[in-house]
């Protein structure tokens, strides 16, 4: 969206915990609950973003990793004002970095 706020102003508002949309916070909680359900069924939080059955939660999980990486790099991220999200995800065994896949060699 276009805004009259500068990037610096946006980041300053986010640092003090400004909530841009209540719906986004509710959506995060709903998606977190779905991830908890997935974990209960599958024993982990490694939902593929390419999964047909779990596409919505898979994309959300990928987005959480993206937001976390931005936070670690010192960039603007929704997680910079809501560190409870990180704690909640870690409490259920969320992996910030995906395990590397073994590559098969055709020799």
N, C-alpha and C. Protein backbone atom coordinates (compact mmCIF):
# COMPACT_ATOMS: atom_id res chain seq x y z
N UNK A 1 0.83 -1.20 0.00
CA UNK A 1 0.00 0.00 0.00
C UNK A 1 0.87 1.25 0.00
N UNK A 2 0.33 2.30 -0.60
CA UNK A 2 1.03 3.58 -0.56
C UNK A 2 0.77 4.23 0.78
N UNK A 3 1.76 4.90 1.28
CA UNK A 3 1.64 5.57 2.56
C UNK A 3 2.43 6.87 2.54
N UNK A 4 2.01 7.79 3.38
CA UNK A 4 2.76 9.04 3.48
C UNK A 4 3.85 8.93 4.53
N UNK A 5 3.93 7.79 5.21
CA UNK A 5 4.97 7.58 6.21
C UNK A 5 6.26 7.13 5.54
N UNK A 6 7.37 7.59 6.07
CA UNK A 6 8.66 7.14 5.57
C UNK A 6 8.97 5.77 6.19
N UNK A 7 9.93 5.07 5.62
CA UNK A 7 10.32 3.77 6.17
C UNK A 7 10.80 3.93 7.61
N UNK A 8 11.51 5.00 7.88
CA UNK A 8 12.00 5.28 9.24
C UNK A 8 10.83 5.46 10.21
N UNK A 9 9.80 6.19 9.80
CA UNK A 9 8.63 6.39 10.65
C UNK A 9 7.90 5.07 10.91
N UNK A 10 7.79 4.25 9.88
CA UNK A 10 7.14 2.94 10.03
C UNK A 10 7.91 2.09 11.04
N UNK A 11 9.23 2.04 10.89
CA UNK A 11 10.06 1.24 11.79
C UNK A 11 9.98 1.77 13.22
N UNK A 12 9.94 3.08 13.39
CA UNK A 12 9.84 3.65 14.74
C UNK A 12 8.50 3.28 15.38
N UNK A 13 7.43 3.30 14.61
CA UNK A 13 6.12 2.92 15.14
C UNK A 13 6.09 1.44 15.51
N UNK A 14 6.71 0.61 14.68
CA UNK A 14 6.75 -0.81 14.98
C UNK A 14 7.57 -1.10 16.22
N UNK A 15 8.63 -0.34 16.43
CA UNK A 15 9.47 -0.54 17.62
C UNK A 15 8.72 -0.26 18.92
N UNK A 16 7.74 0.61 18.88
CA UNK A 16 6.98 0.90 20.10
C UNK A 16 5.73 0.04 20.21
N UNK A 17 5.61 -0.94 19.30
CA UNK A 17 4.51 -1.89 19.39
C UNK A 17 3.22 -1.48 18.71
N UNK A 18 3.29 -0.55 17.78
CA UNK A 18 2.08 -0.13 17.08
C UNK A 18 1.48 -1.31 16.33
N UNK A 19 0.19 -1.52 16.48
CA UNK A 19 -0.53 -2.60 15.80
C UNK A 19 -1.20 -2.02 14.56
N UNK A 20 -0.75 -2.48 13.40
CA UNK A 20 -1.29 -1.97 12.15
C UNK A 20 -2.67 -2.55 11.87
N UNK A 21 -2.88 -3.76 12.28
CA UNK A 21 -4.16 -4.40 12.00
C UNK A 21 -4.46 -5.44 13.07
N UNK A 22 -5.57 -5.28 13.73
CA UNK A 22 -6.00 -6.26 14.71
C UNK A 22 -6.24 -7.60 14.04
N UNK A 23 -6.77 -7.58 12.84
CA UNK A 23 -7.03 -8.82 12.11
C UNK A 23 -5.76 -9.65 11.92
N UNK A 24 -4.64 -8.98 11.69
CA UNK A 24 -3.38 -9.71 11.49
C UNK A 24 -2.98 -10.45 12.76
N UNK A 25 -3.20 -9.83 13.93
CA UNK A 25 -2.87 -10.51 15.18
C UNK A 25 -3.79 -11.70 15.40
N UNK A 26 -5.05 -11.54 15.09
CA UNK A 26 -5.98 -12.66 15.23
C UNK A 26 -5.62 -13.76 14.25
N UNK A 27 -5.25 -13.39 13.05
CA UNK A 27 -4.86 -14.36 12.04
C UNK A 27 -3.63 -15.13 12.51
N UNK A 28 -2.65 -14.43 13.12
CA UNK A 28 -1.44 -15.10 13.60
C UNK A 28 -1.82 -16.16 14.64
N UNK A 29 -2.68 -15.81 15.56
CA UNK A 29 -3.11 -16.74 16.60
C UNK A 29 -3.82 -17.95 16.01
N UNK A 30 -4.67 -17.72 15.02
CA UNK A 30 -5.38 -18.83 14.37
C UNK A 30 -4.40 -19.76 13.65
N UNK A 31 -3.43 -19.18 12.96
CA UNK A 31 -2.46 -19.99 12.24
C UNK A 31 -1.56 -20.74 13.22
N UNK A 32 -1.21 -20.11 14.32
CA UNK A 32 -0.42 -20.78 15.34
C UNK A 32 -1.18 -22.00 15.88
N UNK A 33 -2.47 -21.83 16.12
CA UNK A 33 -3.29 -22.95 16.59
C UNK A 33 -3.31 -24.09 15.57
N UNK A 34 -3.37 -23.74 14.30
CA UNK A 34 -3.33 -24.77 13.25
C UNK A 34 -1.98 -25.48 13.24
N UNK A 35 -0.92 -24.73 13.49
CA UNK A 35 0.42 -25.34 13.56
C UNK A 35 0.51 -26.29 14.75
N UNK A 36 -0.07 -25.89 15.87
CA UNK A 36 -0.10 -26.79 17.04
C UNK A 36 -0.84 -28.09 16.70
N UNK A 37 -1.94 -27.98 15.99
CA UNK A 37 -2.69 -29.17 15.57
C UNK A 37 -1.85 -30.04 14.63
N UNK A 38 -1.17 -29.40 13.70
CA UNK A 38 -0.30 -30.14 12.77
C UNK A 38 0.78 -30.89 13.56
N UNK A 39 1.39 -30.20 14.51
CA UNK A 39 2.44 -30.83 15.33
C UNK A 39 1.90 -32.02 16.11
N UNK A 40 0.71 -31.87 16.66
CA UNK A 40 0.10 -32.97 17.41
C UNK A 40 -0.11 -34.19 16.51
N UNK A 41 -0.44 -33.96 15.27
CA UNK A 41 -0.69 -35.06 14.33
C UNK A 41 0.58 -35.64 13.72
N UNK A 42 1.57 -34.78 13.48
CA UNK A 42 2.77 -35.21 12.74
C UNK A 42 4.03 -35.29 13.58
N UNK A 43 4.00 -34.76 14.79
CA UNK A 43 5.17 -34.83 15.66
C UNK A 43 6.24 -33.80 15.40
N UNK A 44 5.98 -32.86 14.50
CA UNK A 44 6.95 -31.79 14.21
C UNK A 44 6.22 -30.60 13.61
N UNK A 45 6.99 -29.53 13.39
CA UNK A 45 6.43 -28.31 12.79
C UNK A 45 6.98 -28.07 11.39
N UNK A 46 7.46 -29.12 10.75
CA UNK A 46 8.10 -29.00 9.45
C UNK A 46 7.07 -29.13 8.32
N UNK A 47 6.23 -28.14 8.22
CA UNK A 47 5.18 -28.12 7.20
C UNK A 47 5.78 -27.56 5.91
N UNK A 48 5.59 -28.26 4.83
CA UNK A 48 6.11 -27.80 3.55
C UNK A 48 5.21 -26.70 2.98
N UNK A 49 5.85 -25.66 2.48
CA UNK A 49 5.11 -24.59 1.83
C UNK A 49 4.50 -25.07 0.52
N UNK A 50 4.97 -26.21 0.02
CA UNK A 50 4.47 -26.77 -1.25
C UNK A 50 3.41 -27.85 -1.04
N UNK A 51 3.06 -28.11 0.21
CA UNK A 51 2.07 -29.13 0.50
C UNK A 51 0.70 -28.72 -0.02
N UNK A 52 0.03 -29.63 -0.70
CA UNK A 52 -1.32 -29.32 -1.18
C UNK A 52 -2.32 -29.35 -0.04
N UNK A 53 -2.19 -30.35 0.83
CA UNK A 53 -3.13 -30.50 1.93
C UNK A 53 -2.96 -29.41 2.99
N UNK A 54 -1.73 -28.99 3.21
CA UNK A 54 -1.44 -28.01 4.26
C UNK A 54 -0.84 -26.73 3.67
N UNK A 55 -1.30 -26.32 2.51
CA UNK A 55 -0.68 -25.19 1.82
C UNK A 55 -0.75 -23.89 2.62
N UNK A 56 -1.88 -23.63 3.25
CA UNK A 56 -2.03 -22.37 3.97
C UNK A 56 -1.08 -22.31 5.17
N UNK A 57 -1.06 -23.36 5.97
CA UNK A 57 -0.17 -23.37 7.13
C UNK A 57 1.29 -23.46 6.68
N UNK A 58 1.56 -24.15 5.59
CA UNK A 58 2.91 -24.24 5.06
C UNK A 58 3.46 -22.89 4.64
N UNK A 59 2.63 -22.10 3.97
CA UNK A 59 3.06 -20.75 3.58
C UNK A 59 3.26 -19.88 4.81
N UNK A 60 2.39 -20.04 5.81
CA UNK A 60 2.51 -19.25 7.04
C UNK A 60 3.80 -19.59 7.77
N UNK A 61 4.15 -20.87 7.84
CA UNK A 61 5.38 -21.31 8.50
C UNK A 61 6.58 -20.68 7.78
N UNK A 62 6.57 -20.72 6.45
CA UNK A 62 7.66 -20.12 5.68
C UNK A 62 7.76 -18.62 5.96
N UNK A 63 6.61 -17.98 6.09
CA UNK A 63 6.58 -16.55 6.39
C UNK A 63 7.18 -16.26 7.76
N UNK A 64 6.93 -17.12 8.74
CA UNK A 64 7.50 -16.91 10.08
C UNK A 64 9.01 -16.99 10.02
N UNK A 65 9.53 -17.94 9.25
CA UNK A 65 10.98 -18.04 9.09
C UNK A 65 11.54 -16.79 8.43
N UNK A 66 10.84 -16.29 7.44
CA UNK A 66 11.27 -15.07 6.74
C UNK A 66 11.30 -13.88 7.70
N UNK A 67 10.24 -13.72 8.50
CA UNK A 67 10.20 -12.61 9.46
C UNK A 67 11.33 -12.73 10.49
N UNK A 68 11.60 -13.95 10.92
CA UNK A 68 12.66 -14.18 11.90
C UNK A 68 14.03 -13.82 11.31
N UNK A 69 14.28 -14.23 10.06
CA UNK A 69 15.55 -13.91 9.41
C UNK A 69 15.72 -12.40 9.29
N UNK A 70 14.65 -11.70 8.95
CA UNK A 70 14.72 -10.23 8.87
C UNK A 70 15.07 -9.64 10.22
N UNK A 71 14.46 -10.18 11.28
CA UNK A 71 14.74 -9.71 12.63
C UNK A 71 16.22 -9.91 12.97
N UNK A 72 16.74 -11.09 12.69
CA UNK A 72 18.14 -11.41 12.97
C UNK A 72 19.08 -10.48 12.20
N UNK A 73 18.69 -10.11 11.01
CA UNK A 73 19.51 -9.22 10.18
C UNK A 73 19.35 -7.75 10.55
N UNK A 74 18.48 -7.48 11.54
CA UNK A 74 18.27 -6.10 11.98
C UNK A 74 17.33 -5.32 11.08
N UNK A 75 16.55 -6.00 10.29
CA UNK A 75 15.61 -5.34 9.40
C UNK A 75 14.23 -5.30 10.04
N UNK A 76 13.36 -4.50 9.48
CA UNK A 76 12.00 -4.38 9.98
C UNK A 76 11.28 -5.73 9.86
N UNK A 77 10.64 -6.13 10.96
CA UNK A 77 9.95 -7.41 11.00
C UNK A 77 8.84 -7.34 12.03
N UNK A 78 7.69 -7.98 11.76
CA UNK A 78 6.63 -8.01 12.77
C UNK A 78 7.10 -8.63 14.08
N UNK A 79 8.12 -9.44 14.04
CA UNK A 79 8.62 -10.08 15.25
C UNK A 79 9.44 -9.14 16.12
N UNK A 80 9.84 -8.01 15.57
CA UNK A 80 10.65 -7.08 16.37
C UNK A 80 9.82 -6.42 17.47
N UNK A 81 8.52 -6.40 17.32
CA UNK A 81 7.67 -5.80 18.35
C UNK A 81 6.89 -6.84 19.13
N UNK A 82 6.94 -8.07 18.69
CA UNK A 82 6.16 -9.12 19.35
C UNK A 82 7.04 -10.35 19.54
N UNK A 83 7.96 -10.25 20.50
CA UNK A 83 8.88 -11.36 20.75
C UNK A 83 8.17 -12.56 21.35
N UNK A 84 6.94 -12.39 21.81
CA UNK A 84 6.16 -13.54 22.30
C UNK A 84 5.95 -14.56 21.19
N UNK A 85 5.89 -14.09 19.96
CA UNK A 85 5.70 -15.00 18.83
C UNK A 85 6.87 -15.98 18.75
N UNK A 86 8.07 -15.47 18.89
CA UNK A 86 9.26 -16.32 18.83
C UNK A 86 9.20 -17.36 19.94
N UNK A 87 8.91 -16.91 21.14
CA UNK A 87 8.86 -17.81 22.29
C UNK A 87 7.79 -18.88 22.10
N UNK A 88 6.61 -18.49 21.65
CA UNK A 88 5.52 -19.45 21.43
C UNK A 88 5.92 -20.50 20.40
N UNK A 89 6.53 -20.06 19.32
CA UNK A 89 6.94 -21.00 18.28
C UNK A 89 8.02 -21.95 18.81
N UNK A 90 8.98 -21.41 19.53
CA UNK A 90 10.06 -22.24 20.06
C UNK A 90 9.54 -23.24 21.09
N UNK A 91 8.53 -22.86 21.84
CA UNK A 91 7.96 -23.76 22.85
C UNK A 91 7.33 -25.01 22.24
N UNK A 92 6.90 -24.93 21.00
CA UNK A 92 6.32 -26.11 20.36
C UNK A 92 7.31 -26.79 19.41
N UNK A 93 8.57 -26.41 19.49
CA UNK A 93 9.60 -27.07 18.70
C UNK A 93 9.76 -26.57 17.28
N UNK A 94 9.41 -25.31 17.04
CA UNK A 94 9.53 -24.74 15.71
C UNK A 94 11.00 -24.65 15.30
N UNK A 95 11.32 -25.07 14.10
CA UNK A 95 12.69 -25.01 13.58
C UNK A 95 12.85 -23.77 12.71
N UNK A 96 13.73 -22.87 13.12
CA UNK A 96 13.94 -21.65 12.34
C UNK A 96 14.71 -21.95 11.06
N UNK A 97 15.56 -22.93 11.12
CA UNK A 97 16.31 -23.34 9.93
C UNK A 97 15.90 -24.76 9.58
N UNK A 98 15.60 -24.96 8.34
CA UNK A 98 15.18 -26.28 7.88
C UNK A 98 16.37 -27.23 7.84
N UNK A 99 16.14 -28.49 8.19
CA UNK A 99 17.24 -29.45 8.05
C UNK A 99 17.62 -29.58 6.59
N UNK A 100 18.91 -29.71 6.34
CA UNK A 100 19.33 -29.81 4.94
C UNK A 100 18.97 -31.19 4.42
N UNK A 101 18.59 -31.21 3.16
CA UNK A 101 18.22 -32.47 2.51
C UNK A 101 19.48 -33.14 2.00
N UNK A 102 19.50 -34.45 2.11
CA UNK A 102 20.62 -35.20 1.54
C UNK A 102 20.45 -35.24 0.03
N UNK A 103 21.51 -34.95 -0.65
CA UNK A 103 21.45 -34.99 -2.11
C UNK A 103 21.92 -36.35 -2.59
N UNK A 104 21.17 -36.90 -3.48
CA UNK A 104 21.59 -38.21 -4.01
C UNK A 104 22.58 -37.98 -5.13
N UNK A 105 23.53 -38.87 -5.18
CA UNK A 105 24.52 -38.78 -6.26
C UNK A 105 24.28 -39.94 -7.21
N UNK A 106 24.30 -39.65 -8.46
CA UNK A 106 24.09 -40.67 -9.48
C UNK A 106 25.43 -41.09 -10.08
N UNK A 107 26.26 -41.75 -9.26
CA UNK A 107 27.54 -42.19 -9.78
C UNK A 107 27.57 -43.66 -10.00
